[in-house]
Amino acid sequence: MTVRQPRYSKEEFARRGDRIYETRVRSLFEAGNHGKIVAIDIETGAFELAENTITATERLYQRYPDAQPWVIRIGHRAVYRFGSRSLKKVP
């Protein structure tokens, strides 16, 4: 099993990943793909769309074995949500 190490700080990952998503990916996939995952290589700008994080990153690694992936869930602020959400409506 290959052990991959990040080559950038968390802030640099976020900056690069968000910039590539906003400039190259969002317009291609946002309509009709709400909730799907995009894995973006922050070095090459390559990306993969899938139903889940594992599939998207595995496809990206198949194409670019040394990729530095940034993962985004289309239409959401975060890939995952922790904790429960209240179903009670707030006035």
PDB file of N, CA and C in Angstrom:
ATOM      1  N   MET A   1       0.839  -1.180   0.000  1.00  0.00           N
ATOM      2  CA  MET A   1       0.000   0.000   0.000  1.00  0.00           C
ATOM      3  C   MET A   1       0.883   1.241   0.000  1.00  0.00           C
ATOM      4  N   THR A   2       0.578   2.159  -0.867  1.00  0.00           N
ATOM      5  CA  THR A   2       1.332   3.393  -0.979  1.00  0.00           C
ATOM      6  C   THR A   2       0.928   4.361   0.121  1.00  0.00           C
ATOM      7  N   VAL A   3       1.937   4.930   0.792  1.00  0.00           N
ATOM      8  CA  VAL A   3       1.672   5.945   1.810  1.00  0.00           C
ATOM      9  C   VAL A   3       1.915   7.303   1.168  1.00  0.00           C
ATOM     10  N   ARG A   4       0.868   8.080   1.074  1.00  0.00           N
ATOM     11  CA  ARG A   4       0.974   9.403   0.462  1.00  0.00           C
ATOM     12  C   ARG A   4       1.048  10.461   1.559  1.00  0.00           C
ATOM     13  N   GLN A   5       1.896  11.430   1.352  1.00  0.00           N
ATOM     14  CA  GLN A   5       2.070  12.500   2.319  1.00  0.00           C
ATOM     15  C   GLN A   5       1.688  13.831   1.682  1.00  0.00           C
ATOM     16  N   PRO A   6       0.980  14.680   2.412  1.00  0.00           N
ATOM     17  CA  PRO A   6       0.658  16.006   1.873  1.00  0.00           C
ATOM     18  C   PRO A   6       1.923  16.846   1.727  1.00  0.00           C
ATOM     19  N   ARG A   7       1.979  17.617   0.657  1.00  0.00           N
ATOM     20  CA  ARG A   7       3.140  18.484   0.411  1.00  0.00           C
ATOM     21  C   ARG A   7       2.825  19.952   0.673  1.00  0.00           C
ATOM     22  N   TYR A   8       1.601  20.219   1.153  1.00  0.00           N
ATOM     23  CA  TYR A   8       1.163  21.593   1.368  1.00  0.00           C
ATOM     24  C   TYR A   8       0.470  21.711   2.713  1.00  0.00           C
ATOM     25  N   SER A   9       0.414  22.916   3.217  1.00  0.00           N
ATOM     26  CA  SER A   9      -0.320  23.162   4.459  1.00  0.00           C
ATOM     27  C   SER A   9      -1.819  23.014   4.185  1.00  0.00           C
ATOM     28  N   LYS A  10      -2.607  22.876   5.241  1.00  0.00           N
ATOM     29  CA  LYS A  10      -4.068  22.792   5.093  1.00  0.00           C
ATOM     30  C   LYS A  10      -4.614  24.037   4.412  1.00  0.00           C
ATOM     31  N   GLU A  11      -4.075  25.178   4.748  1.00  0.00           N
ATOM     32  CA  GLU A  11      -4.535  26.436   4.169  1.00  0.00           C
ATOM     33  C   GLU A  11      -4.239  26.499   2.668  1.00  0.00           C
ATOM     34  N   GLU A  12      -3.052  26.018   2.275  1.00  0.00           N
ATOM     35  CA  GLU A  12      -2.689  26.013   0.855  1.00  0.00           C
ATOM     36  C   GLU A  12      -3.543  25.013   0.072  1.00  0.00           C
ATOM     37  N   PHE A  13      -3.808  23.841   0.669  1.00  0.00           N
ATOM     38  CA  PHE A  13      -4.713  22.871   0.046  1.00  0.00           C
ATOM     39  C   PHE A  13      -6.055  23.529  -0.228  1.00  0.00           C
ATOM     40  N   ALA A  14      -6.621  24.162   0.780  1.00  0.00           N
ATOM     41  CA  ALA A  14      -7.940  24.787   0.662  1.00  0.00           C
ATOM     42  C   ALA A  14      -7.931  25.893  -0.386  1.00  0.00           C
ATOM     43  N   ARG A  15      -6.915  26.728  -0.362  1.00  0.00           N
ATOM     44  CA  ARG A  15      -6.830  27.843  -1.311  1.00  0.00           C
ATOM     45  C   ARG A  15      -6.779  27.328  -2.743  1.00  0.00           C
ATOM     46  N   ARG A  16      -5.895  26.371  -2.998  1.00  0.00           N
ATOM     47  CA  ARG A  16      -5.745  25.836  -4.350  1.00  0.00           C
ATOM     48  C   ARG A  16      -6.992  25.064  -4.791  1.00  0.00           C
ATOM     49  N   GLY A  17      -7.487  24.202  -3.906  1.00  0.00           N
ATOM     50  CA  GLY A  17      -8.656  23.392  -4.249  1.00  0.00           C
ATOM     51  C   GLY A  17      -9.876  24.240  -4.539  1.00  0.00           C
ATOM     52  N   ASP A  18     -10.143  25.221  -3.687  1.00  0.00           N
ATOM     53  CA  ASP A  18     -11.297  26.101  -3.892  1.00  0.00           C
ATOM     54  C   ASP A  18     -11.159  26.919  -5.175  1.00  0.00           C
ATOM     55  N   ARG A  19      -9.952  27.392  -5.451  1.00  0.00           N
ATOM     56  CA  ARG A  19      -9.735  28.185  -6.670  1.00  0.00           C
ATOM     57  C   ARG A  19      -9.996  27.343  -7.923  1.00  0.00           C
ATOM     58  N   ILE A  20      -9.475  26.112  -7.961  1.00  0.00           N
ATOM     59  CA  ILE A  20      -9.698  25.241  -9.127  1.00  0.00           C
ATOM     60  C   ILE A  20     -11.177  24.914  -9.258  1.00  0.00           C
ATOM     61  N   TYR A  21     -11.832  24.614  -8.132  1.00  0.00           N
ATOM     62  CA  TYR A  21     -13.265  24.308  -8.186  1.00  0.00           C
ATOM     63  C   TYR A  21     -14.054  25.482  -8.760  1.00  0.00           C
ATOM     64  N   GLU A  22     -13.793  26.673  -8.255  1.00  0.00           N
ATOM     65  CA  GLU A  22     -14.539  27.856  -8.682  1.00  0.00           C
ATOM     66  C   GLU A  22     -14.260  28.237 -10.134  1.00  0.00           C
ATOM     67  N   THR A  23     -13.027  28.084 -10.594  1.00  0.00           N
ATOM     68  CA  THR A  23     -12.674  28.551 -11.937  1.00  0.00           C
ATOM     69  C   THR A  23     -12.836  27.504 -13.031  1.00  0.00           C
ATOM     70  N   ARG A  24     -12.715  26.198 -12.697  1.00  0.00           N
ATOM     71  CA  ARG A  24     -12.725  25.182 -13.749  1.00  0.00           C
ATOM     72  C   ARG A  24     -13.800  24.114 -13.611  1.00  0.00           C
ATOM     73  N   VAL A  25     -14.231  23.813 -12.399  1.00  0.00           N
ATOM     74  CA  VAL A  25     -15.082  22.643 -12.183  1.00  0.00           C
ATOM     75  C   VAL A  25     -16.543  22.997 -11.956  1.00  0.00           C
ATOM     76  N   ARG A  26     -16.798  23.995 -11.156  1.00  0.00           N
ATOM     77  CA  ARG A  26     -18.175  24.324 -10.742  1.00  0.00           C
ATOM     78  C   ARG A  26     -19.135  24.462 -11.928  1.00  0.00           C
ATOM     79  N   SER A  27     -18.767  25.201 -12.929  1.00  0.00           N
ATOM     80  CA  SER A  27     -19.664  25.433 -14.068  1.00  0.00           C
ATOM     81  C   SER A  27     -19.947  24.160 -14.860  1.00  0.00           C
ATOM     82  N   LEU A  28     -19.049  23.193 -14.806  1.00  0.00           N
ATOM     83  CA  LEU A  28     -19.237  21.931 -15.531  1.00  0.00           C
ATOM     84  C   LEU A  28     -20.195  20.976 -14.828  1.00  0.00           C
ATOM     85  N   PHE A  29     -20.153  20.947 -13.488  1.00  0.00           N
ATOM     86  CA  PHE A  29     -20.836  19.892 -12.754  1.00  0.00           C
ATOM     87  C   PHE A  29     -21.928  20.316 -11.790  1.00  0.00           C
ATOM     88  N   GLU A  30     -22.014  21.574 -11.427  1.00  0.00           N
ATOM     89  CA  GLU A  30     -22.929  21.946 -10.356  1.00  0.00           C
ATOM     90  C   GLU A  30     -24.391  21.627 -10.684  1.00  0.00           C
ATOM     91  N   ALA A  31     -24.835  21.909 -11.878  1.00  0.00           N
ATOM     92  CA  ALA A  31     -26.230  21.628 -12.250  1.00  0.00           C
ATOM     93  C   ALA A  31     -26.434  20.115 -12.408  1.00  0.00           C
ATOM     94  N   GLY A  32     -27.380  19.576 -11.649  1.00  0.00           N
ATOM     95  CA  GLY A  32     -27.727  18.166 -11.774  1.00  0.00           C
ATOM     96  C   GLY A  32     -26.862  17.191 -11.006  1.00  0.00           C
ATOM     97  N   ASN A  33     -25.890  17.668 -10.270  1.00  0.00           N
ATOM     98  CA  ASN A  33     -24.997  16.780  -9.520  1.00  0.00           C
ATOM     99  C   ASN A  33     -24.943  17.111  -8.034  1.00  0.00           C
ATOM    100  N   HIS A  34     -25.982  17.736  -7.515  1.00  0.00           N
ATOM    101  CA  HIS A  34     -26.023  18.131  -6.103  1.00  0.00           C
ATOM    102  C   HIS A  34     -25.742  16.926  -5.198  1.00  0.00           C
ATOM    103  N   GLY A  35     -24.791  17.071  -4.291  1.00  0.00           N
ATOM    104  CA  GLY A  35     -24.460  16.016  -3.346  1.00  0.00           C
ATOM    105  C   GLY A  35     -23.364  15.076  -3.798  1.00  0.00           C
ATOM    106  N   LYS A  36     -22.995  15.116  -5.065  1.00  0.00           N
ATOM    107  CA  LYS A  36     -21.909  14.259  -5.536  1.00  0.00           C
ATOM    108  C   LYS A  36     -20.562  14.839  -5.112  1.00  0.00           C
ATOM    109  N   ILE A  37     -19.540  14.024  -5.222  1.00  0.00           N
ATOM    110  CA  ILE A  37     -18.202  14.383  -4.774  1.00  0.00           C
ATOM    111  C   ILE A  37     -17.291  14.672  -5.962  1.00  0.00           C
ATOM    112  N   VAL A  38     -16.472  15.718  -5.836  1.00  0.00           N
ATOM    113  CA  VAL A  38     -15.431  16.016  -6.814  1.00  0.00           C
ATOM    114  C   VAL A  38     -14.091  15.955  -6.083  1.00  0.00           C
ATOM    115  N   ALA A  39     -13.175  15.126  -6.593  1.00  0.00           N
ATOM    116  CA  ALA A  39     -11.796  15.079  -6.084  1.00  0.00           C
ATOM    117  C   ALA A  39     -10.942  15.836  -7.096  1.00  0.00           C
ATOM    118  N   ILE A  40     -10.202  16.830  -6.610  1.00  0.00           N
ATOM    119  CA  ILE A  40      -9.395  17.696  -7.468  1.00  0.00           C
ATOM    120  C   ILE A  40      -7.930  17.561  -7.065  1.00  0.00           C
ATOM    121  N   ASP A  41      -7.052  17.310  -8.043  1.00  0.00           N
ATOM    122  CA  ASP A  41      -5.619  17.324  -7.775  1.00  0.00           C
ATOM    123  C   ASP A  41      -5.177  18.785  -7.776  1.00  0.00           C
ATOM    124  N   ILE A  42      -4.731  19.285  -6.639  1.00  0.00           N
ATOM    125  CA  ILE A  42      -4.405  20.710  -6.524  1.00  0.00           C
ATOM    126  C   ILE A  42      -3.136  21.084  -7.278  1.00  0.00           C
ATOM    127  N   GLU A  43      -2.375  20.107  -7.765  1.00  0.00           N
ATOM    128  CA  GLU A  43      -1.166  20.415  -8.535  1.00  0.00           C
ATOM    129  C   GLU A  43      -1.436  20.461 -10.037  1.00  0.00           C
ATOM    130  N   THR A  44      -2.204  19.519 -10.547  1.00  0.00           N
ATOM    131  CA  THR A  44      -2.437  19.450 -11.995  1.00  0.00           C
ATOM    132  C   THR A  44      -3.762  20.073 -12.420  1.00  0.00           C
ATOM    133  N   GLY A  45      -4.712  20.187 -11.491  1.00  0.00           N
ATOM    134  CA  GLY A  45      -6.045  20.673 -11.827  1.00  0.00           C
ATOM    135  C   GLY A  45      -6.957  19.571 -12.345  1.00  0.00           C
ATOM    136  N   ALA A  46      -6.465  18.334 -12.417  1.00  0.00           N
ATOM    137  CA  ALA A  46      -7.300  17.205 -12.849  1.00  0.00           C
ATOM    138  C   ALA A  46      -8.360  16.945 -11.789  1.00  0.00           C
ATOM    139  N   PHE A  47      -9.506  16.392 -12.216  1.00  0.00           N
ATOM    140  CA  PHE A  47     -10.579  16.131 -11.259  1.00  0.00           C
ATOM    141  C   PHE A  47     -11.391  14.924 -11.682  1.00  0.00           C
ATOM    142  N   GLU A  48     -12.074  14.343 -10.702  1.00  0.00           N
ATOM    143  CA  GLU A  48     -12.953  13.196 -10.915  1.00  0.00           C
ATOM    144  C   GLU A  48     -14.252  13.423 -10.150  1.00  0.00           C
ATOM    145  N   LEU A  49     -15.372  13.065 -10.760  1.00  0.00           N
ATOM    146  CA  LEU A  49     -16.698  13.174 -10.164  1.00  0.00           C
ATOM    147  C   LEU A  49     -17.191  11.778  -9.831  1.00  0.00           C
ATOM    148  N   ALA A  50     -17.755  11.595  -8.631  1.00  0.00           N
ATOM    149  CA  ALA A  50     -18.273  10.284  -8.227  1.00  0.00           C
ATOM    150  C   ALA A  50     -19.347  10.465  -7.168  1.00  0.00           C
ATOM    151  N   GLU A  51     -19.982   9.359  -6.811  1.00  0.00           N
ATOM    152  CA  GLU A  51     -21.024   9.355  -5.780  1.00  0.00           C
ATOM    153  C   GLU A  51     -20.450   9.469  -4.374  1.00  0.00           C
ATOM    154  N   ASN A  52     -19.179   9.050  -4.200  1.00  0.00           N
ATOM    155  CA  ASN A  52     -18.583   9.082  -2.860  1.00  0.00           C
ATOM    156  C   ASN A  52     -17.101   9.442  -2.932  1.00  0.00           C
ATOM    157  N   THR A  53     -16.551   9.764  -1.780  1.00  0.00           N
ATOM    158  CA  THR A  53     -15.169  10.223  -1.683  1.00  0.00           C
ATOM    159  C   THR A  53     -14.171   9.174  -2.126  1.00  0.00           C
ATOM    160  N   ILE A  54     -14.364   7.942  -1.697  1.00  0.00           N
ATOM    161  CA  ILE A  54     -13.410   6.881  -2.025  1.00  0.00           C
ATOM    162  C   ILE A  54     -13.321   6.667  -3.526  1.00  0.00           C
ATOM    163  N   THR A  55     -14.453   6.566  -4.187  1.00  0.00           N
ATOM    164  CA  THR A  55     -14.452   6.345  -5.630  1.00  0.00           C
ATOM    165  C   THR A  55     -13.801   7.511  -6.372  1.00  0.00           C
ATOM    166  N   ALA A  56     -14.140   8.729  -5.998  1.00  0.00           N
ATOM    167  CA  ALA A  56     -13.573   9.905  -6.666  1.00  0.00           C
ATOM    168  C   ALA A  56     -12.056   9.965  -6.501  1.00  0.00           C
ATOM    169  N   THR A  57     -11.565   9.750  -5.287  1.00  0.00           N
ATOM    170  CA  THR A  57     -10.113   9.821  -5.069  1.00  0.00           C
ATOM    171  C   THR A  57      -9.380   8.638  -5.703  1.00  0.00           C
ATOM    172  N   GLU A  58      -9.983   7.450  -5.675  1.00  0.00           N
ATOM    173  CA  GLU A  58      -9.341   6.292  -6.319  1.00  0.00           C
ATOM    174  C   GLU A  58      -9.200   6.521  -7.820  1.00  0.00           C
ATOM    175  N   ARG A  59     -10.227   7.056  -8.448  1.00  0.00           N
ATOM    176  CA  ARG A  59     -10.146   7.356  -9.886  1.00  0.00           C
ATOM    177  C   ARG A  59      -9.067   8.390 -10.171  1.00  0.00           C
ATOM    178  N   LEU A  60      -8.972   9.400  -9.306  1.00  0.00           N
ATOM    179  CA  LEU A  60      -7.946  10.423  -9.479  1.00  0.00           C
ATOM    180  C   LEU A  60      -6.554   9.816  -9.327  1.00  0.00           C
ATOM    181  N   TYR A  61      -6.359   8.959  -8.326  1.00  0.00           N
ATOM    182  CA  TYR A  61      -5.067   8.299  -8.124  1.00  0.00           C
ATOM    183  C   TYR A  61      -4.717   7.352  -9.265  1.00  0.00           C
ATOM    184  N   GLN A  62      -5.719   6.750  -9.907  1.00  0.00           N
ATOM    185  CA  GLN A  62      -5.439   5.893 -11.064  1.00  0.00           C
ATOM    186  C   GLN A  62      -4.827   6.703 -12.198  1.00  0.00           C
ATOM    187  N   ARG A  63      -5.325   7.898 -12.387  1.00  0.00           N
ATOM    188  CA  ARG A  63      -4.804   8.775 -13.446  1.00  0.00           C
ATOM    189  C   ARG A  63      -3.526   9.485 -13.035  1.00  0.00           C
ATOM    190  N   TYR A  64      -3.448   9.887 -11.768  1.00  0.00           N
ATOM    191  CA  TYR A  64      -2.313  10.649 -11.248  1.00  0.00           C
ATOM    192  C   TYR A  64      -1.896  10.038  -9.908  1.00  0.00           C
ATOM    193  N   PRO A  65      -1.028   9.037  -9.927  1.00  0.00           N
ATOM    194  CA  PRO A  65      -0.668   8.323  -8.691  1.00  0.00           C
ATOM    195  C   PRO A  65      -0.078   9.210  -7.590  1.00  0.00           C
ATOM    196  N   ASP A  66       0.484  10.347  -7.953  1.00  0.00           N
ATOM    197  CA  ASP A  66       1.093  11.237  -6.968  1.00  0.00           C
ATOM    198  C   ASP A  66       0.213  12.455  -6.675  1.00  0.00           C
ATOM    199  N   ALA A  67      -1.081  12.344  -6.957  1.00  0.00           N
ATOM    200  CA  ALA A  67      -2.012  13.470  -6.792  1.00  0.00           C
ATOM    201  C   ALA A  67      -2.083  13.953  -5.346  1.00  0.00           C
ATOM    202  N   GLN A  68      -2.425  15.217  -5.205  1.00  0.00           N
ATOM    203  CA  GLN A  68      -2.676  15.849  -3.911  1.00  0.00           C
ATOM    204  C   GLN A  68      -4.151  16.265  -3.930  1.00  0.00           C
ATOM    205  N   PRO A  69      -5.075  15.339  -3.539  1.00  0.00           N
ATOM    206  CA  PRO A  69      -6.503  15.588  -3.745  1.00  0.00           C
ATOM    207  C   PRO A  69      -7.163  16.507  -2.710  1.00  0.00           C
ATOM    208  N   TRP A  70      -7.980  17.407  -3.226  1.00  0.00           N
ATOM    209  CA  TRP A  70      -8.886  18.250  -2.447  1.00  0.00           C
ATOM    210  C   TRP A  70     -10.284  17.778  -2.814  1.00  0.00           C
ATOM    211  N   VAL A  71     -11.128  17.511  -1.828  1.00  0.00           N
ATOM    212  CA  VAL A  71     -12.430  16.911  -2.072  1.00  0.00           C
ATOM    213  C   VAL A  71     -13.541  17.890  -1.696  1.00  0.00           C
ATOM    214  N   ILE A  72     -14.535  18.001  -2.590  1.00  0.00           N
ATOM    215  CA  ILE A  72     -15.660  18.908  -2.389  1.00  0.00           C
ATOM    216  C   ILE A  72     -16.960  18.162  -2.674  1.00  0.00           C
ATOM    217  N   ARG A  73     -17.994  18.408  -1.850  1.00  0.00           N
ATOM    218  CA  ARG A  73     -19.337  17.890  -2.120  1.00  0.00           C
ATOM    219  C   ARG A  73     -20.110  19.012  -2.806  1.00  0.00           C
ATOM    220  N   ILE A  74     -20.594  18.750  -3.998  1.00  0.00           N
ATOM    221  CA  ILE A  74     -21.272  19.766  -4.804  1.00  0.00           C
ATOM    222  C   ILE A  74     -22.544  20.253  -4.092  1.00  0.00           C
ATOM    223  N   GLY A  75     -22.627  21.571  -3.950  1.00  0.00           N
ATOM    224  CA  GLY A  75     -23.805  22.191  -3.346  1.00  0.00           C
ATOM    225  C   GLY A  75     -23.791  22.248  -1.833  1.00  0.00           C
ATOM    226  N   HIS A  76     -22.692  21.859  -1.200  1.00  0.00           N
ATOM    227  CA  HIS A  76     -22.586  21.870   0.263  1.00  0.00           C
ATOM    228  C   HIS A  76     -21.323  22.617   0.680  1.00  0.00           C
ATOM    229  N   ARG A  77     -21.343  23.133   1.906  1.00  0.00           N
ATOM    230  CA  ARG A  77     -20.166  23.822   2.430  1.00  0.00           C
ATOM    231  C   ARG A  77     -19.103  22.859   2.910  1.00  0.00           C
ATOM    232  N   ALA A  78     -19.497  21.635   3.251  1.00  0.00           N
ATOM    233  CA  ALA A  78     -18.549  20.646   3.767  1.00  0.00           C
ATOM    234  C   ALA A  78     -18.823  19.291   3.125  1.00  0.00           C
ATOM    235  N   VAL A  79     -17.805  18.446   3.093  1.00  0.00           N
ATOM    236  CA  VAL A  79     -17.960  17.109   2.535  1.00  0.00           C
ATOM    237  C   VAL A  79     -18.823  16.261   3.450  1.00  0.00           C
ATOM    238  N   TYR A  80     -18.564  16.345   4.759  1.00  0.00           N
ATOM    239  CA  TYR A  80     -19.317  15.572   5.743  1.00  0.00           C
ATOM    240  C   TYR A  80     -19.867  16.483   6.821  1.00  0.00           C
ATOM    241  N   ARG A  81     -20.921  16.027   7.494  1.00  0.00           N
ATOM    242  CA  ARG A  81     -21.504  16.770   8.611  1.00  0.00           C
ATOM    243  C   ARG A  81     -21.379  15.895   9.843  1.00  0.00           C
ATOM    244  N   PHE A  82     -20.935  16.474  10.937  1.00  0.00           N
ATOM    245  CA  PHE A  82     -20.795  15.749  12.195  1.00  0.00           C
ATOM    246  C   PHE A  82     -21.943  16.106  13.117  1.00  0.00           C
ATOM    247  N   GLY A  83     -22.412  15.139  13.873  1.00  0.00           N
ATOM    248  CA  GLY A  83     -23.486  15.388  14.817  1.00  0.00           C
ATOM    249  C   GLY A  83     -24.841  15.316  14.148  1.00  0.00           C
ATOM    250  N   SER A  84     -25.855  15.513  14.967  1.00  0.00           N
ATOM    251  CA  SER A  84     -27.219  15.433  14.453  1.00  0.00           C
ATOM    252  C   SER A  84     -27.737  16.816  14.111  1.00  0.00           C
ATOM    253  N   ARG A  85     -28.802  16.823  13.373  1.00  0.00           N
ATOM    254  CA  ARG A  85     -29.434  18.074  12.989  1.00  0.00           C
ATOM    255  C   ARG A  85     -30.852  18.060  13.541  1.00  0.00           C
ATOM    256  N   SER A  86     -31.240  19.136  14.151  1.00  0.00           N
ATOM    257  CA  SER A  86     -32.581  19.232  14.700  1.00  0.00           C
ATOM    258  C   SER A  86     -33.619  19.331  13.592  1.00  0.00           C
ATOM    259  N   LEU A  87     -34.698  18.602  13.736  1.00  0.00           N
ATOM    260  CA  LEU A  87     -35.789  18.693  12.782  1.00  0.00           C
ATOM    261  C   LEU A  87     -36.807  19.750  13.171  1.00  0.00           C
ATOM    262  N   LYS A  88     -36.606  20.340  14.351  1.00  0.00           N
ATOM    263  CA  LYS A  88     -37.491  21.372  14.867  1.00  0.00           C
ATOM    264  C   LYS A  88     -37.225  22.679  14.115  1.00  0.00           C
ATOM    265  N   LYS A  89     -38.274  23.311  13.624  1.00  0.00           N
ATOM    266  CA  LYS A  89     -38.130  24.564  12.894  1.00  0.00           C
ATOM    267  C   LYS A  89     -37.915  25.710  13.874  1.00  0.00           C
ATOM    268  N   VAL A  90     -36.947  26.535  13.534  1.00  0.00           N
ATOM    269  CA  VAL A  90     -36.634  27.694  14.358  1.00  0.00           C
ATOM    270  C   VAL A  90     -37.367  28.894  13.783  1.00  0.00           C
ATOM    271  N   PRO A  91     -38.105  29.638  14.649  1.00  0.00           N
ATOM    272  CA  PRO A  91     -38.877  30.793  14.138  1.00  0.00           C
ATOM    273  C   PRO A  91     -37.985  31.909  13.628  1.00  0.00           C
TER     274      PRO A  91
END
